Amino acid sequence: MTQKLETGKLGGGLGMKAHETIYQLFIGLLLAIIASTMILPFLYVIIISFTDSSVYVSGTFYLWPQKWSTEAYRLILRGSGFLNALKASVFITFVGTPINVCANAGLAYMLSKDDLVGRSLINKLVMFTMLFGAGMIPNFINIRNLGLINNWFANILPSACGAWTVMVMKSFFSELPKDIEEAAEIDGCSTLRMFFQIVLPLSLAMLATFTLFAFVSYWNCYFSAILYLTDTTKMPLQVYLQKIVLSTDISEVVDIQDDLRNKVPQEIMRMASLVVVVFPILCIYPFMQKYFAKGVMVGAVKG
């Protein structure tokens, strides 16, 4: 009798394992199908951008082209339009990102102090900006009165500090051990020195996460550039890309010489432009991805 029960339990255990294996295979297949719907279109863009013009025009293109070419990339990278847009995006991104992180972290650390005079009022004002916005026209008037029209800082300063980022950083700073700061104060450490030498090194995961958020946001700067920039040579890459995608004559946007005007089909030029603009983000994401969950969850509000 005991042997039959053990045999039944063993058979039931094997059956459960078989069902679990089938379930895992089904979930894996489903996720692979979902991932393919996101990967294949981007892969198609990359393949088209490297396809030789003769192969593309002849219509013999498949998922893997018969002949490769980098002529579209050479034309784009040599054009003055791309170089001007790249200069604008690099300035906005690499100047705006540290300003954004420092402004948010500084305000958040200040609000994490319980003994701050007027802390409750400042908290309410920060939260007010999260719930209510002035609108496009008042913001434009404000930028114009500050003399920032056609200035790259018009794309940097309005988004240099955000209420949601401040609240998450504030929650993270509030959870740091108070004993460390108290020990530093006893040793005569000033507030600024404590912030830069003690608090920030303990917050690297959170800072890395919001640095990446700010980097992507400034690199994808588009709407504010259209509003505040009037000089076409100061437009960032996203505006440059939009002009290429919608233009009927890409040579005017890319600034191609007349003898090269019809050398590469416009569709290949569009795909190559997409890859060039997205490439820097693709290079950064794999190295920063591990900080996402850790940085945001550590600063999350606990219930």
C-alpha atoms as a PDB file:
ATOM      1  CA  MET A   1       0.000   0.000   0.000  1.00  0.00           C
ATOM      2  CA  THR A   2       2.776   2.374   0.959  1.00  0.00           C
ATOM      3  CA  GLN A   3       4.611   1.537  -2.261  1.00  0.00           C
ATOM      4  CA  LYS A   4       1.500   2.394  -4.330  1.00  0.00           C
ATOM      5  CA  LEU A   5       1.150   5.766  -2.572  1.00  0.00           C
ATOM      6  CA  GLU A   6       4.801   6.583  -3.202  1.00  0.00           C
ATOM      7  CA  THR A   7       4.449   5.558  -6.847  1.00  0.00           C
ATOM      8  CA  GLY A   8       1.358   7.768  -7.162  1.00  0.00           C
ATOM      9  CA  LYS A   9       3.170  10.747  -5.612  1.00  0.00           C
ATOM     10  CA  LEU A  10       6.124  10.207  -7.930  1.00  0.00           C
ATOM     11  CA  GLY A  11       3.839  10.041 -10.968  1.00  0.00           C
ATOM     12  CA  GLY A  12       2.008  13.169  -9.832  1.00  0.00           C
ATOM     13  CA  GLY A  13       5.304  14.994  -9.338  1.00  0.00           C
ATOM     14  CA  LEU A  14       6.481  14.073 -12.821  1.00  0.00           C
ATOM     15  CA  GLY A  15       3.140  15.195 -14.234  1.00  0.00           C
ATOM     16  CA  MET A  16       3.447  18.573 -12.493  1.00  0.00           C
ATOM     17  CA  LYS A  17       6.964  18.999 -13.850  1.00  0.00           C
ATOM     18  CA  ALA A  18       5.772  18.191 -17.366  1.00  0.00           C
ATOM     19  CA  HIS A  19       2.936  20.729 -17.085  1.00  0.00           C
ATOM     20  CA  GLU A  20       5.383  23.326 -15.716  1.00  0.00           C
ATOM     21  CA  THR A  21       7.793  22.687 -18.597  1.00  0.00           C
ATOM     22  CA  ILE A  22       5.027  23.047 -21.187  1.00  0.00           C
ATOM     23  CA  TYR A  23       3.825  26.236 -19.491  1.00  0.00           C
ATOM     24  CA  GLN A  24       7.341  27.723 -19.505  1.00  0.00           C
ATOM     25  CA  LEU A  25       7.800  26.819 -23.176  1.00  0.00           C
ATOM     26  CA  PHE A  26       4.477  28.455 -24.045  1.00  0.00           C
ATOM     27  CA  ILE A  27       5.376  31.653 -22.156  1.00  0.00           C
ATOM     28  CA  GLY A  28       8.818  31.712 -23.780  1.00  0.00           C
ATOM     29  CA  LEU A  29       7.312  31.296 -27.258  1.00  0.00           C
ATOM     30  CA  LEU A  30       4.740  34.019 -26.589  1.00  0.00           C
ATOM     31  CA  LEU A  31       7.413  36.456 -25.366  1.00  0.00           C
ATOM     32  CA  ALA A  32       9.597  35.618 -28.380  1.00  0.00           C
ATOM     33  CA  ILE A  33       6.713  36.463 -30.731  1.00  0.00           C
ATOM     34  CA  ILE A  34       6.063  39.752 -28.928  1.00  0.00           C
ATOM     35  CA  ALA A  35       9.790  40.604 -28.981  1.00  0.00           C
ATOM     36  CA  SER A  36       9.984  39.823 -32.717  1.00  0.00           C
ATOM     37  CA  THR A  37       7.260  42.387 -33.456  1.00  0.00           C
ATOM     38  CA  MET A  38       9.523  45.019 -31.889  1.00  0.00           C
ATOM     39  CA  ILE A  39      12.900  43.794 -33.156  1.00  0.00           C
ATOM     40  CA  LEU A  40      12.071  42.948 -36.771  1.00  0.00           C
ATOM     41  CA  PRO A  41      10.935  46.468 -37.809  1.00  0.00           C
ATOM     42  CA  PHE A  42      14.103  47.987 -36.393  1.00  0.00           C
ATOM     43  CA  LEU A  43      16.189  45.251 -38.010  1.00  0.00           C
ATOM     44  CA  TYR A  44      14.444  46.033 -41.302  1.00  0.00           C
ATOM     45  CA  VAL A  45      15.451  49.701 -40.969  1.00  0.00           C
ATOM     46  CA  ILE A  46      19.093  48.748 -40.373  1.00  0.00           C
ATOM     47  CA  ILE A  47      19.173  46.311 -43.309  1.00  0.00           C
ATOM     48  CA  ILE A  48      17.617  48.844 -45.698  1.00  0.00           C
ATOM     49  CA  SER A  49      20.139  51.495 -44.646  1.00  0.00           C
ATOM     50  CA  PHE A  50      23.030  49.180 -45.591  1.00  0.00           C
ATOM     51  CA  THR A  51      21.472  47.924 -48.852  1.00  0.00           C
ATOM     52  CA  ASP A  52      23.197  48.794 -52.128  1.00  0.00           C
ATOM     53  CA  SER A  53      21.215  51.146 -54.357  1.00  0.00           C
ATOM     54  CA  SER A  54      21.224  48.802 -57.360  1.00  0.00           C
ATOM     55  CA  VAL A  55      19.797  45.951 -55.280  1.00  0.00           C
ATOM     56  CA  TYR A  56      17.104  48.154 -53.730  1.00  0.00           C
ATOM     57  CA  VAL A  57      16.014  49.695 -57.040  1.00  0.00           C
ATOM     58  CA  SER A  58      15.881  46.324 -58.807  1.00  0.00           C
ATOM     59  CA  GLY A  59      13.454  45.027 -56.189  1.00  0.00           C
ATOM     60  CA  THR A  60      15.563  41.956 -55.349  1.00  0.00           C
ATOM     61  CA  PHE A  61      15.840  42.937 -51.711  1.00  0.00           C
ATOM     62  CA  TYR A  62      14.973  40.348 -49.087  1.00  0.00           C
ATOM     63  CA  LEU A  63      15.448  40.290 -45.322  1.00  0.00           C
ATOM     64  CA  TRP A  64      19.158  39.885 -46.033  1.00  0.00           C
ATOM     65  CA  PRO A  65      20.367  42.017 -49.000  1.00  0.00           C
ATOM     66  CA  GLN A  66      22.504  40.519 -51.737  1.00  0.00           C
ATOM     67  CA  LYS A  67      24.880  43.485 -51.744  1.00  0.00           C
ATOM     68  CA  TRP A  68      25.861  45.838 -48.922  1.00  0.00           C
ATOM     69  CA  SER A  69      26.749  49.521 -49.126  1.00  0.00           C
ATOM     70  CA  THR A  70      27.573  52.351 -46.711  1.00  0.00           C
ATOM     71  CA  GLU A  71      27.148  55.119 -49.281  1.00  0.00           C
ATOM     72  CA  ALA A  72      24.056  56.525 -47.534  1.00  0.00           C
ATOM     73  CA  TYR A  73      25.983  56.933 -44.267  1.00  0.00           C
ATOM     74  CA  ARG A  74      28.880  58.624 -46.036  1.00  0.00           C
ATOM     75  CA  LEU A  75      26.538  61.120 -47.680  1.00  0.00           C
ATOM     76  CA  ILE A  76      24.754  61.913 -44.407  1.00  0.00           C
ATOM     77  CA  LEU A  77      27.920  62.285 -42.340  1.00  0.00           C
ATOM     78  CA  ARG A  78      29.496  64.579 -44.948  1.00  0.00           C
ATOM     79  CA  GLY A  79      26.510  66.915 -45.149  1.00  0.00           C
ATOM     80  CA  SER A  80      26.644  70.195 -43.248  1.00  0.00           C
ATOM     81  CA  GLY A  81      23.026  69.729 -42.160  1.00  0.00           C
ATOM     82  CA  PHE A  82      23.871  66.652 -40.115  1.00  0.00           C
ATOM     83  CA  LEU A  83      26.991  68.215 -38.597  1.00  0.00           C
ATOM     84  CA  ASN A  84      25.055  71.304 -37.464  1.00  0.00           C
ATOM     85  CA  ALA A  85      22.277  69.170 -35.988  1.00  0.00           C
ATOM     86  CA  LEU A  86      24.793  66.907 -34.260  1.00  0.00           C
ATOM     87  CA  LYS A  87      26.545  69.909 -32.726  1.00  0.00           C
ATOM     88  CA  ALA A  88      23.234  71.225 -31.413  1.00  0.00           C
ATOM     89  CA  SER A  89      22.185  67.864 -29.918  1.00  0.00           C
ATOM     90  CA  VAL A  90      25.589  67.291 -28.318  1.00  0.00           C
ATOM     91  CA  PHE A  91      25.537  70.736 -26.688  1.00  0.00           C
ATOM     92  CA  ILE A  92      21.951  70.423 -25.438  1.00  0.00           C
ATOM     93  CA  THR A  93      22.531  66.899 -24.116  1.00  0.00           C
ATOM     94  CA  PHE A  94      25.942  67.198 -22.517  1.00  0.00           C
ATOM     95  CA  VAL A  95      25.265  70.608 -20.972  1.00  0.00           C
ATOM     96  CA  GLY A  96      21.649  69.964 -20.022  1.00  0.00           C
ATOM     97  CA  THR A  97      22.151  66.536 -18.409  1.00  0.00           C
ATOM     98  CA  PRO A  98      24.516  67.635 -15.584  1.00  0.00           C
ATOM     99  CA  ILE A  99      22.430  70.764 -14.999  1.00  0.00           C
ATOM    100  CA  ASN A 100      19.299  68.619 -14.724  1.00  0.00           C
ATOM    101  CA  VAL A 101      20.834  66.063 -12.342  1.00  0.00           C
ATOM    102  CA  CYS A 102      22.477  68.704 -10.111  1.00  0.00           C
ATOM    103  CA  ALA A 103      19.338  70.858  -9.900  1.00  0.00           C
ATOM    104  CA  ASN A 104      17.046  67.939  -9.074  1.00  0.00           C
ATOM    105  CA  ALA A 105      19.458  66.339  -6.604  1.00  0.00           C
ATOM    106  CA  GLY A 106      20.187  69.635  -4.843  1.00  0.00           C
ATOM    107  CA  LEU A 107      16.527  70.530  -4.377  1.00  0.00           C
ATOM    108  CA  ALA A 108      15.629  66.984  -3.343  1.00  0.00           C
ATOM    109  CA  TYR A 109      18.388  66.836  -0.723  1.00  0.00           C
ATOM    110  CA  MET A 110      17.302  70.194   0.660  1.00  0.00           C
ATOM    111  CA  LEU A 111      13.679  69.025   0.969  1.00  0.00           C
ATOM    112  CA  SER A 112      14.762  65.796   2.686  1.00  0.00           C
ATOM    113  CA  LYS A 113      15.875  67.819   5.732  1.00  0.00           C
ATOM    114  CA  ASP A 114      13.192  67.962   8.429  1.00  0.00           C
ATOM    115  CA  ASP A 115      14.648  71.125   9.975  1.00  0.00           C
ATOM    116  CA  LEU A 116      14.432  73.146   6.744  1.00  0.00           C
ATOM    117  CA  VAL A 117      12.523  76.400   7.264  1.00  0.00           C
ATOM    118  CA  GLY A 118       9.501  76.549   4.957  1.00  0.00           C
ATOM    119  CA  ARG A 119       9.906  72.899   3.931  1.00  0.00           C
ATOM    120  CA  SER A 120       6.156  72.260   3.826  1.00  0.00           C
ATOM    121  CA  LEU A 121       5.493  75.297   1.626  1.00  0.00           C
ATOM    122  CA  ILE A 122       8.282  74.394  -0.821  1.00  0.00           C
ATOM    123  CA  ASN A 123       6.979  70.819  -1.016  1.00  0.00           C
ATOM    124  CA  LYS A 124       3.520  72.103  -1.889  1.00  0.00           C
ATOM    125  CA  LEU A 125       4.914  74.430  -4.553  1.00  0.00           C
ATOM    126  CA  VAL A 126       6.877  71.582  -6.125  1.00  0.00           C
ATOM    127  CA  MET A 127       3.810  69.342  -6.129  1.00  0.00           C
ATOM    128  CA  PHE A 128       1.735  72.171  -7.628  1.00  0.00           C
ATOM    129  CA  THR A 129       3.989  72.232 -10.686  1.00  0.00           C
ATOM    130  CA  MET A 130       3.374  68.499 -11.132  1.00  0.00           C
ATOM    131  CA  LEU A 131      -0.400  68.957 -11.215  1.00  0.00           C
ATOM    132  CA  PHE A 132      -0.722  72.279 -13.066  1.00  0.00           C
ATOM    133  CA  GLY A 133       1.200  73.766 -15.989  1.00  0.00           C
ATOM    134  CA  ALA A 134       1.200  77.295 -17.369  1.00  0.00           C
ATOM    135  CA  GLY A 135       0.725  76.172 -20.960  1.00  0.00           C
ATOM    136  CA  MET A 136       2.598  76.686 -24.200  1.00  0.00           C
ATOM    137  CA  ILE A 137       1.934  80.402 -24.752  1.00  0.00           C
ATOM    138  CA  PRO A 138       2.920  81.595 -21.224  1.00  0.00           C
ATOM    139  CA  ASN A 139       6.053  79.457 -21.427  1.00  0.00           C
ATOM    140  CA  PHE A 140       6.942  80.983 -24.783  1.00  0.00           C
ATOM    141  CA  ILE A 141       6.411  84.511 -23.427  1.00  0.00           C
ATOM    142  CA  ASN A 142       8.597  83.661 -20.437  1.00  0.00           C
ATOM    143  CA  ILE A 143      11.394  82.345 -22.666  1.00  0.00           C
ATOM    144  CA  ARG A 144      11.141  85.412 -24.895  1.00  0.00           C
ATOM    145  CA  ASN A 145      11.310  87.804 -21.936  1.00  0.00           C
ATOM    146  CA  LEU A 146      14.411  85.993 -20.693  1.00  0.00           C
ATOM    147  CA  GLY A 147      16.060  86.580 -24.065  1.00  0.00           C
ATOM    148  CA  LEU A 148      16.468  82.868 -24.816  1.00  0.00           C
ATOM    149  CA  ILE A 149      14.739  82.748 -28.196  1.00  0.00           C
ATOM    150  CA  ASN A 150      17.044  81.064 -30.726  1.00  0.00           C
ATOM    151  CA  ASN A 151      19.300  80.000 -27.865  1.00  0.00           C
ATOM    152  CA  TRP A 152      20.100  76.384 -27.001  1.00  0.00           C
ATOM    153  CA  PHE A 153      19.502  77.094 -23.315  1.00  0.00           C
ATOM    154  CA  ALA A 154      15.817  77.531 -24.146  1.00  0.00           C
ATOM    155  CA  ASN A 155      15.780  73.748 -24.602  1.00  0.00           C
ATOM    156  CA  ILE A 156      17.750  73.107 -21.410  1.00  0.00           C
ATOM    157  CA  LEU A 157      16.496  75.361 -18.612  1.00  0.00           C
ATOM    158  CA  PRO A 158      12.687  74.791 -18.800  1.00  0.00           C
ATOM    159  CA  SER A 159      13.162  71.068 -18.129  1.00  0.00           C
ATOM    160  CA  ALA A 160      16.174  71.366 -15.825  1.00  0.00           C
ATOM    161  CA  CYS A 161      14.108  70.507 -12.744  1.00  0.00           C
ATOM    162  CA  GLY A 162      11.064  68.233 -12.570  1.00  0.00           C
ATOM    163  CA  ALA A 163       8.664  67.662  -9.694  1.00  0.00           C
ATOM    164  CA  TRP A 164       8.459  63.879 -10.105  1.00  0.00           C
ATOM    165  CA  THR A 165      12.240  63.493 -10.179  1.00  0.00           C
ATOM    166  CA  VAL A 166      12.603  65.706  -7.118  1.00  0.00           C
ATOM    167  CA  MET A 167      10.040  63.677  -5.168  1.00  0.00           C
ATOM    168  CA  VAL A 168      11.713  60.350  -5.997  1.00  0.00           C
ATOM    169  CA  MET A 169      15.167  61.683  -5.119  1.00  0.00           C
ATOM    170  CA  LYS A 170      13.821  63.223  -1.921  1.00  0.00           C
ATOM    171  CA  SER A 171      12.384  59.874  -0.859  1.00  0.00           C
ATOM    172  CA  PHE A 172      15.735  58.201  -1.536  1.00  0.00           C
ATOM    173  CA  PHE A 173      17.724  60.807   0.413  1.00  0.00           C
ATOM    174  CA  SER A 174      15.302  60.520   3.346  1.00  0.00           C
ATOM    175  CA  GLU A 175      16.058  56.794   3.616  1.00  0.00           C
ATOM    176  CA  LEU A 176      19.831  57.246   3.889  1.00  0.00           C
ATOM    177  CA  PRO A 177      21.228  56.458   7.364  1.00  0.00           C
ATOM    178  CA  LYS A 178      21.145  59.582   9.509  1.00  0.00           C
ATOM    179  CA  ASP A 179      24.055  58.353  11.609  1.00  0.00           C
ATOM    180  CA  ILE A 180      26.492  58.940   8.762  1.00  0.00           C
ATOM    181  CA  GLU A 181      25.494  62.580   8.383  1.00  0.00           C
ATOM    182  CA  GLU A 182      25.497  63.150  12.126  1.00  0.00           C
ATOM    183  CA  ALA A 183      29.001  61.709  12.395  1.00  0.00           C
ATOM    184  CA  ALA A 184      30.149  63.975   9.560  1.00  0.00           C
ATOM    185  CA  GLU A 185      28.642  67.017  11.287  1.00  0.00           C
ATOM    186  CA  ILE A 186      30.492  66.154  14.522  1.00  0.00           C
ATOM    187  CA  ASP A 187      33.731  66.013  12.528  1.00  0.00           C
ATOM    188  CA  GLY A 188      33.040  69.531  11.230  1.00  0.00           C
ATOM    189  CA  CYS A 189      31.843  68.612   7.725  1.00  0.00           C
ATOM    190  CA  SER A 190      29.925  71.399   5.996  1.00  0.00           C
ATOM    191  CA  THR A 191      26.594  70.804   4.267  1.00  0.00           C
ATOM    192  CA  LEU A 192      28.019  71.153   0.759  1.00  0.00           C
ATOM    193  CA  ARG A 193      30.943  68.861   1.498  1.00  0.00           C
ATOM    194  CA  MET A 194      28.587  66.310   3.051  1.00  0.00           C
ATOM    195  CA  PHE A 195      26.345  66.449  -0.022  1.00  0.00           C
ATOM    196  CA  PHE A 196      29.130  65.983  -2.575  1.00  0.00           C
ATOM    197  CA  GLN A 197      31.469  63.644  -0.675  1.00  0.00           C
ATOM    198  CA  ILE A 198      29.049  61.510   1.353  1.00  0.00           C
ATOM    199  CA  VAL A 199      25.471  61.672   0.049  1.00  0.00           C
ATOM    200  CA  LEU A 200      26.117  61.564  -3.700  1.00  0.00           C
ATOM    201  CA  PRO A 201      28.572  58.614  -3.561  1.00  0.00           C
ATOM    202  CA  LEU A 202      25.909  56.658  -1.647  1.00  0.00           C
ATOM    203  CA  SER A 203      23.362  57.491  -4.355  1.00  0.00           C
ATOM    204  CA  LEU A 204      25.194  56.350  -7.488  1.00  0.00           C
ATOM    205  CA  ALA A 205      22.510  53.869  -8.615  1.00  0.00           C
ATOM    206  CA  MET A 206      19.759  56.448  -8.337  1.00  0.00           C
ATOM    207  CA  LEU A 207      21.881  59.176  -9.950  1.00  0.00           C
ATOM    208  CA  ALA A 208      22.837  56.876 -12.841  1.00  0.00           C
ATOM    209  CA  THR A 209      19.172  56.155 -13.511  1.00  0.00           C
ATOM    210  CA  PHE A 210      18.095  59.790 -13.638  1.00  0.00           C
ATOM    211  CA  THR A 211      21.212  60.751 -15.574  1.00  0.00           C
ATOM    212  CA  LEU A 212      20.128  58.337 -18.282  1.00  0.00           C
ATOM    213  CA  PHE A 213      16.557  59.652 -18.165  1.00  0.00           C
ATOM    214  CA  ALA A 214      17.849  63.208 -18.599  1.00  0.00           C
ATOM    215  CA  PHE A 215      20.271  62.171 -21.350  1.00  0.00           C
ATOM    216  CA  VAL A 216      17.540  60.493 -23.392  1.00  0.00           C
ATOM    217  CA  SER A 217      15.147  63.391 -22.819  1.00  0.00           C
ATOM    218  CA  TYR A 218      17.614  66.030 -24.014  1.00  0.00           C
ATOM    219  CA  TRP A 219      18.845  63.894 -26.910  1.00  0.00           C
ATOM    220  CA  ASN A 220      15.228  63.521 -28.091  1.00  0.00           C
ATOM    221  CA  CYS A 221      14.609  67.263 -27.801  1.00  0.00           C
ATOM    222  CA  TYR A 222      12.122  68.168 -30.547  1.00  0.00           C
ATOM    223  CA  PHE A 223       9.053  70.213 -29.595  1.00  0.00           C
ATOM    224  CA  SER A 224      10.893  72.862 -27.583  1.00  0.00           C
ATOM    225  CA  ALA A 225      13.394  73.234 -30.441  1.00  0.00           C
ATOM    226  CA  ILE A 226      10.573  73.964 -32.884  1.00  0.00           C
ATOM    227  CA  LEU A 227       9.086  76.511 -30.482  1.00  0.00           C
ATOM    228  CA  TYR A 228      12.184  78.419 -29.422  1.00  0.00           C
ATOM    229  CA  LEU A 229      14.749  78.014 -32.232  1.00  0.00           C
ATOM    230  CA  THR A 230      14.392  80.078 -35.389  1.00  0.00           C
ATOM    231  CA  ASP A 231      17.785  79.450 -36.984  1.00  0.00           C
ATOM    232  CA  THR A 232      17.772  76.203 -38.985  1.00  0.00           C
ATOM    233  CA  THR A 233      21.490  75.703 -38.335  1.00  0.00           C
ATOM    234  CA  LYS A 234      20.750  75.426 -34.599  1.00  0.00           C
ATOM    235  CA  MET A 235      18.103  72.731 -34.883  1.00  0.00           C
ATOM    236  CA  PRO A 236      18.944  69.415 -33.103  1.00  0.00           C
ATOM    237  CA  LEU A 237      19.001  65.957 -34.640  1.00  0.00           C
ATOM    238  CA  GLN A 238      15.349  65.151 -34.013  1.00  0.00           C
ATOM    239  CA  VAL A 239      14.187  68.143 -36.069  1.00  0.00           C
ATOM    240  CA  TYR A 240      16.748  67.250 -38.723  1.00  0.00           C
ATOM    241  CA  LEU A 241      15.391  63.698 -38.809  1.00  0.00           C
ATOM    242  CA  GLN A 242      11.804  64.925 -39.068  1.00  0.00           C
ATOM    243  CA  LYS A 243      12.704  67.047 -42.072  1.00  0.00           C
ATOM    244  CA  ILE A 244      14.386  64.092 -43.772  1.00  0.00           C
ATOM    245  CA  VAL A 245      11.428  61.774 -43.177  1.00  0.00           C
ATOM    246  CA  LEU A 246       8.864  64.266 -44.504  1.00  0.00           C
ATOM    247  CA  SER A 247      10.923  65.950 -47.222  1.00  0.00           C
ATOM    248  CA  THR A 248      10.291  65.150 -50.880  1.00  0.00           C
ATOM    249  CA  ASP A 249      13.866  66.121 -51.754  1.00  0.00           C
ATOM    250  CA  ILE A 250      16.284  64.885 -49.092  1.00  0.00           C
ATOM    251  CA  SER A 251      19.267  66.435 -50.863  1.00  0.00           C
ATOM    252  CA  GLU A 252      18.122  69.880 -49.706  1.00  0.00           C
ATOM    253  CA  VAL A 253      18.110  68.765 -46.064  1.00  0.00           C
ATOM    254  CA  VAL A 254      21.255  66.648 -46.105  1.00  0.00           C
ATOM    255  CA  ASP A 255      23.081  69.229 -48.266  1.00  0.00           C
ATOM    256  CA  ILE A 256      24.209  66.763 -50.940  1.00  0.00           C
ATOM    257  CA  GLN A 257      26.171  67.975 -53.948  1.00  0.00           C
ATOM    258  CA  ASP A 258      24.407  67.980 -57.307  1.00  0.00           C
ATOM    259  CA  ASP A 259      26.505  65.151 -58.720  1.00  0.00           C
ATOM    260  CA  LEU A 260      25.474  62.901 -55.820  1.00  0.00           C
ATOM    261  CA  ARG A 261      21.792  63.909 -55.776  1.00  0.00           C
ATOM    262  CA  ASN A 262      20.444  60.720 -57.367  1.00  0.00           C
ATOM    263  CA  LYS A 263      23.178  58.338 -56.282  1.00  0.00           C
ATOM    264  CA  VAL A 264      21.291  56.842 -53.327  1.00  0.00           C
ATOM    265  CA  PRO A 265      17.485  56.348 -53.168  1.00  0.00           C
ATOM    266  CA  GLN A 266      15.713  58.600 -50.701  1.00  0.00           C
ATOM    267  CA  GLU A 267      14.250  55.662 -48.768  1.00  0.00           C
ATOM    268  CA  ILE A 268      17.744  54.353 -47.996  1.00  0.00           C
ATOM    269  CA  MET A 269      18.779  57.854 -46.898  1.00  0.00           C
ATOM    270  CA  ARG A 270      15.795  58.008 -44.536  1.00  0.00           C
ATOM    271  CA  MET A 271      16.619  54.658 -42.956  1.00  0.00           C
ATOM    272  CA  ALA A 272      20.294  55.574 -42.553  1.00  0.00           C
ATOM    273  CA  SER A 273      19.300  58.845 -40.879  1.00  0.00           C
ATOM    274  CA  LEU A 274      17.137  56.949 -38.389  1.00  0.00           C
ATOM    275  CA  VAL A 275      20.003  54.646 -37.485  1.00  0.00           C
ATOM    276  CA  VAL A 276      22.470  57.528 -37.073  1.00  0.00           C
ATOM    277  CA  VAL A 277      20.166  59.417 -34.691  1.00  0.00           C
ATOM    278  CA  VAL A 278      19.269  56.368 -32.564  1.00  0.00           C
ATOM    279  CA  PHE A 279      22.786  54.856 -32.477  1.00  0.00           C
ATOM    280  CA  PRO A 280      24.129  56.838 -29.451  1.00  0.00           C
ATOM    281  CA  ILE A 281      21.172  55.774 -27.308  1.00  0.00           C
ATOM    282  CA  LEU A 282      21.646  52.145 -28.331  1.00  0.00           C
ATOM    283  CA  CYS A 283      25.284  52.337 -27.239  1.00  0.00           C
ATOM    284  CA  ILE A 284      24.427  53.702 -23.784  1.00  0.00           C
ATOM    285  CA  TYR A 285      21.384  51.613 -22.824  1.00  0.00           C
ATOM    286  CA  PRO A 286      23.095  48.206 -22.425  1.00  0.00           C
ATOM    287  CA  PHE A 287      25.566  49.631 -19.915  1.00  0.00           C
ATOM    288  CA  MET A 288      22.974  51.603 -17.919  1.00  0.00           C
ATOM    289  CA  GLN A 289      20.036  49.186 -17.938  1.00  0.00           C
ATOM    290  CA  LYS A 290      21.040  47.472 -14.682  1.00  0.00           C
ATOM    291  CA  TYR A 291      20.594  50.759 -12.804  1.00  0.00           C
ATOM    292  CA  PHE A 292      16.939  51.215 -13.812  1.00  0.00           C
ATOM    293  CA  ALA A 293      15.137  48.946 -11.375  1.00  0.00           C
ATOM    294  CA  LYS A 294      17.656  49.399  -8.586  1.00  0.00           C
ATOM    295  CA  GLY A 295      17.742  53.175  -8.773  1.00  0.00           C
ATOM    296  CA  VAL A 296      14.014  53.784  -9.098  1.00  0.00           C
ATOM    297  CA  MET A 297      12.843  51.135  -6.620  1.00  0.00           C
ATOM    298  CA  VAL A 298      15.260  52.278  -3.913  1.00  0.00           C
ATOM    299  CA  GLY A 299      13.793  55.757  -4.143  1.00  0.00           C
ATOM    300  CA  ALA A 300      10.200  54.584  -4.304  1.00  0.00           C
ATOM    301  CA  VAL A 301       7.725  55.575  -1.626  1.00  0.00           C
ATOM    302  CA  LYS A 302       6.970  52.745   0.741  1.00  0.00           C
ATOM    303  CA  GLY A 303       3.398  52.168   1.858  1.00  0.00           C
END
